[in-house]
Protein backbone atom coordinates (compact mmCIF):
# COMPACT_ATOMS: atom_id res chain seq x y z
CA UNK A 1 -31.34 0.69 -19.72
CA UNK A 2 -27.77 1.49 -19.06
CA UNK A 3 -25.03 -0.54 -19.86
CA UNK A 4 -26.79 -3.97 -19.54
CA UNK A 5 -28.35 -2.92 -16.01
CA UNK A 6 -32.26 -1.35 -15.38
CA UNK A 7 -31.99 2.34 -14.66
CA UNK A 8 -33.47 1.69 -11.33
CA UNK A 9 -30.30 -0.58 -11.00
CA UNK A 10 -27.90 2.09 -12.18
CA UNK A 11 -29.03 4.55 -9.75
CA UNK A 12 -28.79 2.39 -7.09
CA UNK A 13 -24.87 1.72 -8.33
CA UNK A 14 -24.38 5.24 -8.61
CA UNK A 15 -25.83 6.26 -5.35
CA UNK A 16 -23.54 3.23 -3.66
CA UNK A 17 -20.54 4.32 -5.47
CA UNK A 18 -21.29 7.92 -4.12
CA UNK A 19 -21.05 6.78 -0.63
CA UNK A 20 -18.72 4.28 -0.37
CA UNK A 21 -15.83 7.13 -2.22
CA UNK A 22 -16.81 9.55 0.44
CA UNK A 23 -16.49 6.65 3.08
CA UNK A 24 -12.53 5.98 2.11
CA UNK A 25 -12.07 9.63 1.43
CA UNK A 26 -13.03 10.82 5.07
CA UNK A 27 -10.74 7.91 5.65
CA UNK A 28 -7.85 9.10 3.36
CA UNK A 29 -8.26 5.63 1.66
CA UNK A 30 -7.57 5.13 -1.77
CA UNK A 31 -9.73 2.03 -2.53
CA UNK A 32 -9.53 -0.24 -6.02
CA UNK A 33 -11.78 -0.94 -8.85
CA UNK A 34 -11.94 -4.47 -7.08
CA UNK A 35 -12.89 -3.29 -3.84
CA UNK A 36 -15.53 -0.85 -5.58
CA UNK A 37 -16.90 -3.96 -7.39
CA UNK A 38 -17.56 -6.01 -3.84
CA UNK A 39 -18.71 -3.75 -1.91
CA UNK A 40 -21.33 -2.80 -4.66
CA UNK A 41 -22.39 -6.31 -4.45
CA UNK A 42 -22.58 -6.65 -1.34
CA UNK A 43 -24.60 -3.67 -0.10
CA UNK A 44 -27.05 -3.39 -3.28
CA UNK A 45 -27.32 -7.01 -3.69
CA UNK A 46 -26.98 -6.26 -8.04
CA UNK A 47 -24.18 -9.07 -9.98
CA UNK A 48 -20.83 -8.00 -9.80
CA UNK A 49 -19.44 -6.51 -12.76
CA UNK A 50 -17.24 -9.00 -14.60
CA UNK A 51 -13.46 -8.00 -15.23
CA UNK A 52 -12.68 -10.29 -18.16
CA UNK A 53 -15.69 -8.47 -20.52
CA UNK A 54 -14.16 -5.08 -21.71
CA UNK A 55 -17.82 -3.85 -21.61
CA UNK A 56 -18.37 -4.37 -17.74
CA UNK A 57 -14.90 -2.66 -16.73
CA UNK A 58 -16.55 0.23 -19.24
CA UNK A 59 -19.69 0.18 -17.25
CA UNK A 60 -18.26 0.56 -13.66
CA UNK A 61 -15.77 3.55 -15.14
CA UNK A 62 -19.22 5.15 -16.27
CA UNK A 63 -20.33 4.35 -13.02
CA UNK A 64 -17.11 6.12 -11.16
CA UNK A 65 -17.16 9.21 -13.87
CA UNK A 66 -20.50 9.57 -12.93
CA UNK A 67 -20.34 10.09 -9.77
CA UNK A 68 -17.00 11.95 -10.10
CA UNK A 69 -18.82 14.41 -12.49
CA UNK A 70 -21.46 14.42 -9.93
CA UNK A 71 -19.81 15.18 -6.99
CA UNK A 72 -17.41 18.09 -8.44
CA UNK A 73 -18.54 21.22 -8.18
CA UNK A 74 -19.16 20.17 -4.06
CA UNK A 75 -16.00 18.05 -3.80
CA UNK A 76 -13.39 20.91 -5.73
CA UNK A 77 -12.12 17.51 -7.57
CA UNK A 78 -12.53 14.42 -9.02
CA UNK A 79 -13.94 11.82 -6.01
CA UNK A 80 -12.48 8.61 -8.94
CA UNK A 81 -9.40 10.15 -7.91
CA UNK A 82 -9.16 7.31 -5.30
CA UNK A 83 -9.97 4.65 -7.23
CA UNK A 84 -6.72 2.84 -8.55
CA UNK A 85 -5.71 -0.26 -10.05
CA UNK A 86 -5.18 -3.85 -7.84
CA UNK A 87 -1.38 -3.58 -6.71
CA UNK A 88 -0.44 -0.15 -8.49
CA UNK A 89 -0.60 3.31 -7.54
CA UNK A 90 -2.59 5.45 -10.18
CA UNK A 91 -5.77 5.91 -11.70
CA UNK A 92 -7.50 4.32 -15.06
CA UNK A 93 -6.88 5.89 -18.48
CA UNK A 94 -10.85 6.56 -18.08
CA UNK A 95 -10.18 9.28 -15.45
CA UNK A 96 -7.62 11.15 -16.86
CA UNK A 97 -10.52 10.80 -20.39
CA UNK A 98 -13.15 12.53 -17.81
CA UNK A 99 -10.46 15.26 -16.88
CA UNK A 100 -9.81 15.82 -20.57
CA UNK A 101 -13.01 16.02 -21.10
CA UNK A 102 -14.27 18.39 -18.65
CA UNK A 103 -10.93 21.27 -19.34
CA UNK A 104 -8.97 19.98 -15.61
CA UNK A 105 -6.37 18.48 -17.57
CA UNK A 106 -5.00 18.81 -20.84
CA UNK A 107 -5.90 17.12 -23.72
CA UNK A 108 -3.26 14.38 -24.51
CA UNK A 109 -1.18 15.23 -21.08
CA UNK A 110 2.84 13.77 -20.44
CA UNK A 111 2.97 10.67 -18.04
CA UNK A 112 4.42 13.71 -15.22
CA UNK A 113 1.03 15.82 -16.13
CA UNK A 114 -1.32 12.67 -15.11
CA UNK A 115 1.28 11.84 -12.45
CA UNK A 116 0.74 15.74 -11.05
CA UNK A 117 -2.80 15.90 -11.93
CA UNK A 118 -4.08 12.23 -10.26
CA UNK A 119 -2.18 13.59 -7.19
CA UNK A 120 -3.30 16.75 -6.48
CA UNK A 121 -7.16 15.36 -7.35
CA UNK A 122 -6.35 13.17 -4.27
CA UNK A 123 -5.21 15.39 -2.19
CA UNK A 124 -8.03 17.77 -3.15
CA UNK A 125 -10.60 14.64 -2.39
CA UNK A 126 -8.80 13.66 1.05
CA UNK A 127 -8.75 17.07 2.06
CA UNK A 128 -12.34 17.92 1.17
CA UNK A 129 -13.78 14.79 2.94
CA UNK A 130 -11.25 15.00 6.24
CA UNK A 131 -13.24 18.89 6.95
């Protein structure tokens, strides 16, 4: 079990997330956590993540982190950079924690460092998939 999901379900969610993010990156789009959640439910039939629960929000973040880490070498950027909060234009705190843990971003970055890093990751992701 991972985050309350069977291993096979988790793997389906990870694969579907990777496919969806690649599709959105090819279109040079940003997407939202809400849209990712909806698409995962539609494509896999698995229950939606309940964003009213901290654990469920963290589980979707874990999936995004897994996808981003898996695709980092091939993409040259964190593909999860294109996932933003509904009505906002930046990534969540988990994105920056992951980047710091991977040595891509300094620990305890300033707001300006975060913004610059995030924008560069989005650009690299879009550039990679536009080829």
